[in-house]
């Protein structure tokens, strides 16, 4: 039974049927990135377009910068509501004490 990672590496032509590393697999094993990104980088070097390929490969490792996760947005709304309630409470205390 293959694990998902072993099957993925096999589909990238990095392993033979006997689970030995191919030449591509040896190069991918030396790169500290996901095999898919490593394959993109290697082919960019082979086809002499490494600069744009490195830009694309580096962007694949990060989430979309303009998307706010729903949990973070929900936490922000909760904090804002707490601040409003505390402000109202402080106003009520001030009115009760000083007026």
N, C-alpha and C. Protein backbone atom coordinates (compact mmCIF):
# COMPACT_ATOMS: atom_id res chain seq x y z
N UNK A 1 0.84 -1.18 0.00
CA UNK A 1 0.00 0.00 0.00
C UNK A 1 0.89 1.24 0.00
N UNK A 2 0.68 2.13 -0.95
CA UNK A 2 1.44 3.37 -1.05
C UNK A 2 0.84 4.43 -0.16
N UNK A 3 1.69 5.21 0.45
CA UNK A 3 1.18 6.41 1.12
C UNK A 3 0.97 7.46 0.04
N UNK A 4 0.27 8.51 0.40
CA UNK A 4 -0.02 9.56 -0.58
C UNK A 4 1.27 10.19 -1.11
N UNK A 5 2.22 10.49 -0.20
CA UNK A 5 3.46 11.13 -0.62
C UNK A 5 4.28 10.22 -1.53
N UNK A 6 4.36 8.92 -1.19
CA UNK A 6 5.12 8.00 -2.03
C UNK A 6 4.48 7.88 -3.41
N UNK A 7 3.15 7.83 -3.44
CA UNK A 7 2.45 7.74 -4.73
C UNK A 7 2.67 9.02 -5.53
N UNK A 8 2.65 10.17 -4.86
CA UNK A 8 2.85 11.44 -5.56
C UNK A 8 4.26 11.52 -6.15
N UNK A 9 5.26 11.09 -5.38
CA UNK A 9 6.64 11.11 -5.87
C UNK A 9 6.78 10.14 -7.03
N UNK A 10 6.09 9.00 -6.95
CA UNK A 10 6.14 8.03 -8.05
C UNK A 10 5.52 8.63 -9.32
N UNK A 11 4.43 9.37 -9.17
CA UNK A 11 3.78 9.98 -10.33
C UNK A 11 4.61 11.11 -10.93
N UNK A 12 5.53 11.67 -10.17
CA UNK A 12 6.41 12.72 -10.68
C UNK A 12 7.61 12.12 -11.43
N UNK A 13 7.61 10.81 -11.66
CA UNK A 13 8.71 10.10 -12.33
C UNK A 13 10.01 10.20 -11.55
N UNK A 14 9.90 10.29 -10.24
CA UNK A 14 11.08 10.36 -9.39
C UNK A 14 11.48 8.99 -8.87
N UNK A 15 10.58 8.01 -8.99
CA UNK A 15 10.87 6.64 -8.55
C UNK A 15 10.60 5.66 -9.68
N UNK A 16 11.37 4.59 -9.69
CA UNK A 16 11.11 3.51 -10.65
C UNK A 16 10.06 2.59 -10.05
N UNK A 17 9.70 1.54 -10.78
CA UNK A 17 8.73 0.57 -10.27
C UNK A 17 9.27 -0.16 -9.05
N UNK A 18 10.58 -0.29 -8.94
CA UNK A 18 11.21 -0.94 -7.79
C UNK A 18 11.46 0.04 -6.64
N UNK A 19 10.92 1.24 -6.75
CA UNK A 19 11.06 2.31 -5.76
C UNK A 19 12.51 2.75 -5.58
N UNK A 20 13.27 2.74 -6.66
CA UNK A 20 14.61 3.32 -6.69
C UNK A 20 14.50 4.72 -7.25
N UNK A 21 15.36 5.61 -6.78
CA UNK A 21 15.34 6.99 -7.28
C UNK A 21 15.83 7.06 -8.72
N UNK A 22 15.12 7.79 -9.53
CA UNK A 22 15.57 8.07 -10.89
C UNK A 22 16.52 9.27 -10.82
N UNK A 23 17.20 9.61 -11.92
CA UNK A 23 18.03 10.82 -11.89
C UNK A 23 17.22 12.07 -11.49
N UNK A 24 15.98 12.17 -11.99
CA UNK A 24 15.12 13.28 -11.59
C UNK A 24 14.84 13.22 -10.10
N UNK A 25 14.59 12.03 -9.59
CA UNK A 25 14.31 11.86 -8.16
C UNK A 25 15.49 12.25 -7.29
N UNK A 26 16.71 11.96 -7.77
CA UNK A 26 17.90 12.35 -7.00
C UNK A 26 18.02 13.87 -6.90
N UNK A 27 17.72 14.55 -8.00
CA UNK A 27 17.77 16.03 -7.97
C UNK A 27 16.65 16.59 -7.08
N UNK A 28 15.47 16.00 -7.17
CA UNK A 28 14.36 16.48 -6.35
C UNK A 28 14.62 16.24 -4.87
N UNK A 29 15.31 15.17 -4.56
CA UNK A 29 15.62 14.86 -3.15
C UNK A 29 16.57 15.89 -2.55
N UNK A 30 17.36 16.55 -3.36
CA UNK A 30 18.31 17.55 -2.87
C UNK A 30 17.68 18.93 -2.65
N UNK A 31 16.48 19.13 -3.19
CA UNK A 31 15.83 20.43 -3.06
C UNK A 31 14.90 20.44 -1.85
N UNK A 32 14.96 21.49 -1.03
CA UNK A 32 14.11 21.54 0.17
C UNK A 32 12.71 22.08 -0.11
N UNK A 33 12.10 21.63 -1.20
CA UNK A 33 10.76 22.09 -1.57
C UNK A 33 9.91 20.87 -1.92
N UNK A 34 8.63 21.11 -2.11
CA UNK A 34 7.69 20.08 -2.53
C UNK A 34 8.15 19.53 -3.89
N UNK A 35 7.99 18.24 -4.15
CA UNK A 35 8.46 17.68 -5.43
C UNK A 35 7.88 18.38 -6.66
N UNK A 36 6.64 18.82 -6.58
CA UNK A 36 6.03 19.52 -7.72
C UNK A 36 6.77 20.83 -8.00
N UNK A 37 7.06 21.59 -6.95
CA UNK A 37 7.78 22.85 -7.11
C UNK A 37 9.22 22.59 -7.54
N UNK A 38 9.84 21.54 -6.98
CA UNK A 38 11.19 21.19 -7.38
C UNK A 38 11.29 20.83 -8.85
N UNK A 39 10.28 20.13 -9.34
CA UNK A 39 10.27 19.76 -10.77
C UNK A 39 10.13 21.01 -11.65
N UNK A 40 9.32 21.95 -11.21
CA UNK A 40 9.18 23.21 -11.96
C UNK A 40 10.52 23.94 -12.00
N UNK A 41 11.21 23.99 -10.86
CA UNK A 41 12.51 24.68 -10.81
C UNK A 41 13.53 23.99 -11.70
N UNK A 42 13.58 22.66 -11.65
CA UNK A 42 14.55 21.93 -12.47
C UNK A 42 14.30 22.14 -13.96
N UNK A 43 13.05 22.07 -14.37
CA UNK A 43 12.75 22.28 -15.78
C UNK A 43 12.98 23.74 -16.20
N UNK A 44 12.80 24.67 -15.28
CA UNK A 44 13.13 26.07 -15.58
C UNK A 44 14.61 26.24 -15.82
N UNK A 45 15.43 25.51 -15.04
CA UNK A 45 16.88 25.57 -15.24
C UNK A 45 17.27 24.91 -16.57
N UNK A 46 16.63 23.80 -16.90
CA UNK A 46 16.94 23.10 -18.15
C UNK A 46 16.60 23.95 -19.35
N UNK A 47 15.46 24.64 -19.31
CA UNK A 47 15.02 25.44 -20.46
C UNK A 47 15.48 26.90 -20.40
N UNK A 48 16.41 27.22 -19.51
CA UNK A 48 17.02 28.55 -19.41
C UNK A 48 16.03 29.68 -19.17
N UNK A 49 15.06 29.41 -18.34
CA UNK A 49 14.11 30.47 -17.95
C UNK A 49 13.93 30.43 -16.43
N UNK A 50 15.06 30.36 -15.74
CA UNK A 50 15.02 30.15 -14.30
C UNK A 50 14.45 31.34 -13.52
N UNK A 51 14.75 32.57 -13.94
CA UNK A 51 14.27 33.73 -13.19
C UNK A 51 12.74 33.78 -13.08
N UNK A 52 12.00 33.71 -14.20
CA UNK A 52 10.54 33.74 -14.04
C UNK A 52 9.99 32.50 -13.34
N UNK A 53 10.64 31.37 -13.55
CA UNK A 53 10.19 30.13 -12.91
C UNK A 53 10.38 30.22 -11.40
N UNK A 54 11.48 30.80 -10.94
CA UNK A 54 11.70 30.96 -9.50
C UNK A 54 10.66 31.89 -8.88
N UNK A 55 10.26 32.91 -9.62
CA UNK A 55 9.22 33.81 -9.13
C UNK A 55 7.91 33.07 -8.96
N UNK A 56 7.56 32.28 -9.96
CA UNK A 56 6.31 31.51 -9.89
C UNK A 56 6.39 30.46 -8.78
N UNK A 57 7.52 29.76 -8.70
CA UNK A 57 7.67 28.71 -7.69
C UNK A 57 7.62 29.29 -6.28
N UNK A 58 8.18 30.46 -6.09
CA UNK A 58 8.14 31.05 -4.75
C UNK A 58 6.73 31.47 -4.37
N UNK A 59 5.93 31.87 -5.33
CA UNK A 59 4.55 32.26 -5.02
C UNK A 59 3.67 31.04 -4.74
N UNK A 60 4.06 29.87 -5.21
CA UNK A 60 3.27 28.67 -4.96
C UNK A 60 3.36 28.21 -3.51
N UNK A 61 4.37 28.65 -2.80
CA UNK A 61 4.56 28.21 -1.42
C UNK A 61 3.78 29.01 -0.40
N UNK A 62 3.05 30.04 -0.82
CA UNK A 62 2.34 30.90 0.12
C UNK A 62 0.87 30.96 -0.24
N UNK A 63 0.07 31.30 0.77
CA UNK A 63 -1.35 31.48 0.55
C UNK A 63 -1.59 32.80 -0.14
N UNK A 64 -2.79 32.97 -0.65
CA UNK A 64 -3.19 34.21 -1.30
C UNK A 64 -3.11 35.36 -0.30
N UNK A 65 -2.34 36.42 -0.60
CA UNK A 65 -2.16 37.48 0.40
C UNK A 65 -3.36 38.39 0.57
N UNK A 66 -4.32 38.37 -0.36
CA UNK A 66 -5.43 39.30 -0.30
C UNK A 66 -6.71 38.67 0.23
N UNK A 67 -6.63 37.44 0.70
CA UNK A 67 -7.80 36.76 1.24
C UNK A 67 -7.69 36.69 2.75
N UNK A 68 -8.71 37.16 3.43
CA UNK A 68 -8.74 37.10 4.89
C UNK A 68 -9.52 35.84 5.26
N UNK A 69 -8.92 34.96 6.02
CA UNK A 69 -9.65 33.77 6.43
C UNK A 69 -10.88 34.12 7.25
N UNK A 70 -11.91 33.31 7.12
CA UNK A 70 -13.16 33.58 7.80
C UNK A 70 -12.99 33.59 9.32
N UNK A 71 -12.17 32.70 9.84
CA UNK A 71 -11.97 32.64 11.29
C UNK A 71 -11.34 33.94 11.78
N UNK A 72 -10.35 34.43 11.06
CA UNK A 72 -9.70 35.68 11.46
C UNK A 72 -10.69 36.84 11.41
N UNK A 73 -11.52 36.87 10.39
CA UNK A 73 -12.52 37.93 10.26
C UNK A 73 -13.53 37.85 11.40
N UNK A 74 -13.93 36.63 11.74
CA UNK A 74 -14.89 36.44 12.83
C UNK A 74 -14.28 36.88 14.16
N UNK A 75 -13.02 36.54 14.39
CA UNK A 75 -12.34 36.97 15.62
C UNK A 75 -12.25 38.48 15.69
N UNK A 76 -11.98 39.12 14.58
CA UNK A 76 -11.90 40.59 14.54
C UNK A 76 -13.25 41.20 14.90
N UNK A 77 -14.33 40.65 14.37
CA UNK A 77 -15.66 41.17 14.68
C UNK A 77 -16.00 40.98 16.15
N UNK A 78 -15.62 39.85 16.72
CA UNK A 78 -15.89 39.60 18.14
C UNK A 78 -15.12 40.59 19.01
N UNK A 79 -13.86 40.83 18.69
CA UNK A 79 -13.05 41.78 19.46
C UNK A 79 -13.63 43.18 19.36
N UNK A 80 -14.05 43.58 18.15
CA UNK A 80 -14.63 44.91 17.98
C UNK A 80 -15.92 45.06 18.80
N UNK A 81 -16.74 44.01 18.83
CA UNK A 81 -17.97 44.06 19.62
C UNK A 81 -17.66 44.14 21.11
N UNK A 82 -16.65 43.42 21.56
CA UNK A 82 -16.23 43.49 22.97
C UNK A 82 -15.76 44.89 23.33
N UNK A 83 -15.01 45.52 22.46
CA UNK A 83 -14.53 46.88 22.70
C UNK A 83 -15.71 47.84 22.81
N UNK A 84 -16.71 47.67 21.92
CA UNK A 84 -17.90 48.53 22.00
C UNK A 84 -18.64 48.35 23.32
N UNK A 85 -18.79 47.09 23.75
CA UNK A 85 -19.49 46.83 25.01
C UNK A 85 -18.73 47.40 26.20
N UNK A 86 -17.41 47.28 26.19
CA UNK A 86 -16.60 47.84 27.28
C UNK A 86 -16.71 49.36 27.29
N UNK A 87 -16.73 49.98 26.11
CA UNK A 87 -16.86 51.44 26.04
C UNK A 87 -18.21 51.88 26.60
N UNK A 88 -19.28 51.14 26.26
CA UNK A 88 -20.60 51.48 26.80
C UNK A 88 -20.63 51.31 28.32
N UNK A 89 -20.02 50.23 28.79
CA UNK A 89 -19.97 49.98 30.22
C UNK A 89 -19.21 51.10 30.94
N UNK A 90 -18.09 51.51 30.37
CA UNK A 90 -17.31 52.61 30.97
C UNK A 90 -18.13 53.90 31.00
N UNK A 91 -18.88 54.15 29.94
CA UNK A 91 -19.72 55.36 29.90
C UNK A 91 -20.80 55.29 30.97
N UNK A 92 -21.42 54.11 31.13
CA UNK A 92 -22.44 53.97 32.16
C UNK A 92 -21.86 54.15 33.55
N UNK A 93 -20.70 53.61 33.81
CA UNK A 93 -20.05 53.77 35.11
C UNK A 93 -19.72 55.24 35.34
N UNK A 94 -19.20 55.90 34.34
CA UNK A 94 -18.87 57.33 34.48
C UNK A 94 -20.13 58.15 34.77
N UNK A 95 -21.24 57.85 34.03
CA UNK A 95 -22.49 58.57 34.27
C UNK A 95 -23.02 58.30 35.67
N UNK A 96 -22.91 57.05 36.12
CA UNK A 96 -23.40 56.71 37.44
C UNK A 96 -22.59 57.36 38.56
N UNK A 97 -21.27 57.43 38.36
CA UNK A 97 -20.41 57.98 39.41
C UNK A 97 -20.41 59.51 39.40
N UNK A 98 -20.33 60.14 38.24
CA UNK A 98 -20.10 61.59 38.18
C UNK A 98 -21.35 62.40 37.90
N UNK A 99 -22.44 61.80 37.57
CA UNK A 99 -23.63 62.62 37.26
C UNK A 99 -24.67 62.48 38.33
